[in-house]
Amino acid sequence: QVTLVESGGGLVQAGDSLRLTCVFSGGTFADYPMGWFRQAPGKERKFVAVVSWSGGITYYAASVEGRFTISRDNAKDTVDLQMNSLQPDDTAVYYCAASGGFATFEYEYNYWGQGTQVTVSS
């Protein structure tokens, strides 16, 4: 059974950086494109970024393009989200997820982590 565990969240100030890591277990990591989503208080969960099976292709939500970088290490079964120039609007619970295809919609993802809280103060 696939399990995803996120870490790296915390409280930072506007303009700071943070790196999230998701550890994959219980399956073949390289079989899955991996995505990051986030859910702000009182709002729906939204797509943030996705990386392809090998890591060669990435895609980002417009709100994070140029500030966030998704990457994966298939030798370590991990996917990271490097977040730079953080703003208060980035405050959310961040989730990593595994999909059967290179996807941006929540319903296309089969497995989810428990989430890690990121709070950005102004």
C-alpha atoms as a PDB file:
ATOM      1  CA  GLN A   1       0.000   0.000   0.000  1.00  0.00           C
ATOM      2  CA  VAL A   2       1.367   3.363  -1.045  1.00  0.00           C
ATOM      3  CA  THR A   3       2.049   5.769   1.796  1.00  0.00           C
ATOM      4  CA  LEU A   4       3.121   9.398   1.509  1.00  0.00           C
ATOM      5  CA  VAL A   5       4.548  11.415   4.372  1.00  0.00           C
ATOM      6  CA  GLU A   6       5.218  15.144   4.089  1.00  0.00           C
ATOM      7  CA  SER A   7       7.580  17.187   6.220  1.00  0.00           C
ATOM      8  CA  GLY A   8       9.241  20.576   6.263  1.00  0.00           C
ATOM      9  CA  GLY A   9       6.335  22.869   6.993  1.00  0.00           C
ATOM     10  CA  GLY A  10       6.508  25.649   9.514  1.00  0.00           C
ATOM     11  CA  LEU A  11       6.053  29.317  10.318  1.00  0.00           C
ATOM     12  CA  VAL A  12       8.050  31.773   8.236  1.00  0.00           C
ATOM     13  CA  GLN A  13       7.985  35.455   7.380  1.00  0.00           C
ATOM     14  CA  ALA A  14       7.032  36.959   4.051  1.00  0.00           C
ATOM     15  CA  GLY A  15       9.947  36.726   1.634  1.00  0.00           C
ATOM     16  CA  ASP A  16      11.427  33.653   3.280  1.00  0.00           C
ATOM     17  CA  SER A  17      11.978  30.241   1.729  1.00  0.00           C
ATOM     18  CA  LEU A  18      10.904  26.771   2.789  1.00  0.00           C
ATOM     19  CA  ARG A  19      11.505  23.309   1.411  1.00  0.00           C
ATOM     20  CA  LEU A  20       8.922  20.573   1.721  1.00  0.00           C
ATOM     21  CA  THR A  21       9.779  16.898   1.322  1.00  0.00           C
ATOM     22  CA  CYS A  22       7.464  13.963   0.690  1.00  0.00           C
ATOM     23  CA  VAL A  23       8.647  10.405   1.262  1.00  0.00           C
ATOM     24  CA  PHE A  24       6.991   7.657  -0.787  1.00  0.00           C
ATOM     25  CA  SER A  25       6.758   4.029   0.314  1.00  0.00           C
ATOM     26  CA  GLY A  26       4.799   0.877  -0.428  1.00  0.00           C
ATOM     27  CA  GLY A  27       5.146   0.872  -4.198  1.00  0.00           C
ATOM     28  CA  THR A  28       7.353   1.722  -7.153  1.00  0.00           C
ATOM     29  CA  PHE A  29       7.954   5.441  -6.921  1.00  0.00           C
ATOM     30  CA  ALA A  30       9.038   5.861 -10.530  1.00  0.00           C
ATOM     31  CA  ASP A  31       5.629   4.560 -11.685  1.00  0.00           C
ATOM     32  CA  TYR A  32       3.915   7.733 -10.509  1.00  0.00           C
ATOM     33  CA  PRO A  33       3.967  11.360 -11.485  1.00  0.00           C
ATOM     34  CA  MET A  34       3.930  13.308  -8.243  1.00  0.00           C
ATOM     35  CA  GLY A  35       2.052  16.445  -7.383  1.00  0.00           C
ATOM     36  CA  TRP A  36       1.721  19.028  -4.653  1.00  0.00           C
ATOM     37  CA  PHE A  37      -1.579  20.590  -3.671  1.00  0.00           C
ATOM     38  CA  ARG A  38      -2.515  23.068  -0.979  1.00  0.00           C
ATOM     39  CA  GLN A  39      -5.590  23.965   1.007  1.00  0.00           C
ATOM     40  CA  ALA A  40      -5.965  27.344   2.630  1.00  0.00           C
ATOM     41  CA  PRO A  41      -8.327  27.823   5.589  1.00  0.00           C
ATOM     42  CA  GLY A  42     -11.943  27.766   4.438  1.00  0.00           C
ATOM     43  CA  LYS A  43     -11.020  27.090   0.823  1.00  0.00           C
ATOM     44  CA  GLU A  44     -10.887  24.141  -1.547  1.00  0.00           C
ATOM     45  CA  ARG A  45      -7.730  22.167  -2.097  1.00  0.00           C
ATOM     46  CA  LYS A  46      -5.872  23.457  -5.172  1.00  0.00           C
ATOM     47  CA  PHE A  47      -3.166  22.227  -7.487  1.00  0.00           C
ATOM     48  CA  VAL A  48       0.330  23.648  -6.983  1.00  0.00           C
ATOM     49  CA  ALA A  49       2.790  21.641  -9.079  1.00  0.00           C
ATOM     50  CA  VAL A  50       3.395  18.287 -10.742  1.00  0.00           C
ATOM     51  CA  VAL A  51       6.526  16.436 -11.848  1.00  0.00           C
ATOM     52  CA  SER A  52       6.706  13.640 -14.388  1.00  0.00           C
ATOM     53  CA  TRP A  53       7.875  10.092 -13.789  1.00  0.00           C
ATOM     54  CA  SER A  54      11.545  10.830 -14.484  1.00  0.00           C
ATOM     55  CA  GLY A  55      11.467  14.414 -13.250  1.00  0.00           C
ATOM     56  CA  GLY A  56      12.128  15.881 -16.660  1.00  0.00           C
ATOM     57  CA  ILE A  57       8.794  17.644 -17.047  1.00  0.00           C
ATOM     58  CA  THR A  58       7.174  19.958 -14.533  1.00  0.00           C
ATOM     59  CA  TYR A  59       4.096  22.152 -14.498  1.00  0.00           C
ATOM     60  CA  TYR A  60       2.990  24.826 -12.039  1.00  0.00           C
ATOM     61  CA  ALA A  61      -0.043  26.768 -11.046  1.00  0.00           C
ATOM     62  CA  ALA A  62       0.202  30.355 -12.224  1.00  0.00           C
ATOM     63  CA  SER A  63       0.179  31.588  -8.634  1.00  0.00           C
ATOM     64  CA  VAL A  64       3.484  29.864  -7.840  1.00  0.00           C
ATOM     65  CA  GLU A  65       5.235  29.846 -11.227  1.00  0.00           C
ATOM     66  CA  GLY A  66       8.728  31.291 -10.876  1.00  0.00           C
ATOM     67  CA  ARG A  67       8.735  31.025  -7.062  1.00  0.00           C
ATOM     68  CA  PHE A  68       8.256  27.301  -6.418  1.00  0.00           C
ATOM     69  CA  THR A  69      10.240  24.388  -7.810  1.00  0.00           C
ATOM     70  CA  ILE A  70       9.163  20.765  -7.721  1.00  0.00           C
ATOM     71  CA  SER A  71      11.764  18.019  -8.023  1.00  0.00           C
ATOM     72  CA  ARG A  72      12.066  14.328  -7.357  1.00  0.00           C
ATOM     73  CA  ASP A  73      14.764  11.823  -6.510  1.00  0.00           C
ATOM     74  CA  ASN A  74      13.840   8.362  -7.765  1.00  0.00           C
ATOM     75  CA  ALA A  75      16.783   6.838  -5.913  1.00  0.00           C
ATOM     76  CA  LYS A  76      15.460   8.116  -2.590  1.00  0.00           C
ATOM     77  CA  ASP A  77      11.735   7.912  -3.350  1.00  0.00           C
ATOM     78  CA  THR A  78      11.221  11.535  -2.477  1.00  0.00           C
ATOM     79  CA  VAL A  79       9.621  14.582  -4.043  1.00  0.00           C
ATOM     80  CA  ASP A  80      10.445  18.093  -2.885  1.00  0.00           C
ATOM     81  CA  LEU A  81       8.802  21.467  -3.202  1.00  0.00           C
ATOM     82  CA  GLN A  82      11.199  24.387  -2.886  1.00  0.00           C
ATOM     83  CA  MET A  83       9.224  27.508  -2.065  1.00  0.00           C
ATOM     84  CA  ASN A  84      10.864  30.912  -2.394  1.00  0.00           C
ATOM     85  CA  SER A  85       9.577  34.444  -1.875  1.00  0.00           C
ATOM     86  CA  LEU A  86       6.754  33.152   0.270  1.00  0.00           C
ATOM     87  CA  GLN A  87       3.759  35.409   0.812  1.00  0.00           C
ATOM     88  CA  PRO A  88       0.890  35.303   3.320  1.00  0.00           C
ATOM     89  CA  ASP A  89      -1.394  34.001   0.531  1.00  0.00           C
ATOM     90  CA  ASP A  90       0.787  30.883   0.434  1.00  0.00           C
ATOM     91  CA  THR A  91      -0.417  29.938   3.907  1.00  0.00           C
ATOM     92  CA  ALA A  92      -2.060  26.525   3.643  1.00  0.00           C
ATOM     93  CA  VAL A  93      -1.777  22.861   4.402  1.00  0.00           C
ATOM     94  CA  TYR A  94       0.402  21.357   1.683  1.00  0.00           C
ATOM     95  CA  TYR A  95      -0.228  17.830   0.441  1.00  0.00           C
ATOM     96  CA  CYS A  96       1.792  15.594  -1.815  1.00  0.00           C
ATOM     97  CA  ALA A  97      -0.004  13.086  -3.981  1.00  0.00           C
ATOM     98  CA  ALA A  98       0.694  10.290  -6.458  1.00  0.00           C
ATOM     99  CA  SER A  99      -1.101  10.024  -9.763  1.00  0.00           C
ATOM    100  CA  GLY A 100      -1.411   7.504 -12.566  1.00  0.00           C
ATOM    101  CA  GLY A 101      -0.762  10.232 -15.103  1.00  0.00           C
ATOM    102  CA  PHE A 102       0.696  13.718 -15.467  1.00  0.00           C
ATOM    103  CA  ALA A 103      -2.264  15.450 -13.885  1.00  0.00           C
ATOM    104  CA  THR A 104      -3.439  18.710 -12.379  1.00  0.00           C
ATOM    105  CA  PHE A 105      -6.895  17.735 -11.107  1.00  0.00           C
ATOM    106  CA  GLU A 106      -7.393  16.412  -7.613  1.00  0.00           C
ATOM    107  CA  TYR A 107      -9.572  13.491  -8.736  1.00  0.00           C
ATOM    108  CA  GLU A 108      -6.742  12.151 -10.886  1.00  0.00           C
ATOM    109  CA  TYR A 109      -4.571  11.449  -7.863  1.00  0.00           C
ATOM    110  CA  ASN A 110      -4.823   8.070  -6.184  1.00  0.00           C
ATOM    111  CA  TYR A 111      -2.733   8.502  -3.059  1.00  0.00           C
ATOM    112  CA  TRP A 112      -2.373  11.401  -0.634  1.00  0.00           C
ATOM    113  CA  GLY A 113      -0.216  12.344   2.297  1.00  0.00           C
ATOM    114  CA  GLN A 114      -1.556  13.744   5.542  1.00  0.00           C
ATOM    115  CA  GLY A 115      -0.354  17.267   4.830  1.00  0.00           C
ATOM    116  CA  THR A 116       2.079  19.706   6.388  1.00  0.00           C
ATOM    117  CA  GLN A 117       1.174  23.201   7.560  1.00  0.00           C
ATOM    118  CA  VAL A 118       2.894  26.227   6.054  1.00  0.00           C
ATOM    119  CA  THR A 119       2.176  29.580   7.637  1.00  0.00           C
ATOM    120  CA  VAL A 120       3.582  32.812   6.240  1.00  0.00           C
ATOM    121  CA  SER A 121       3.360  35.912   8.387  1.00  0.00           C
ATOM    122  CA  SER A 122       3.415  39.423   6.983  1.00  0.00           C
END
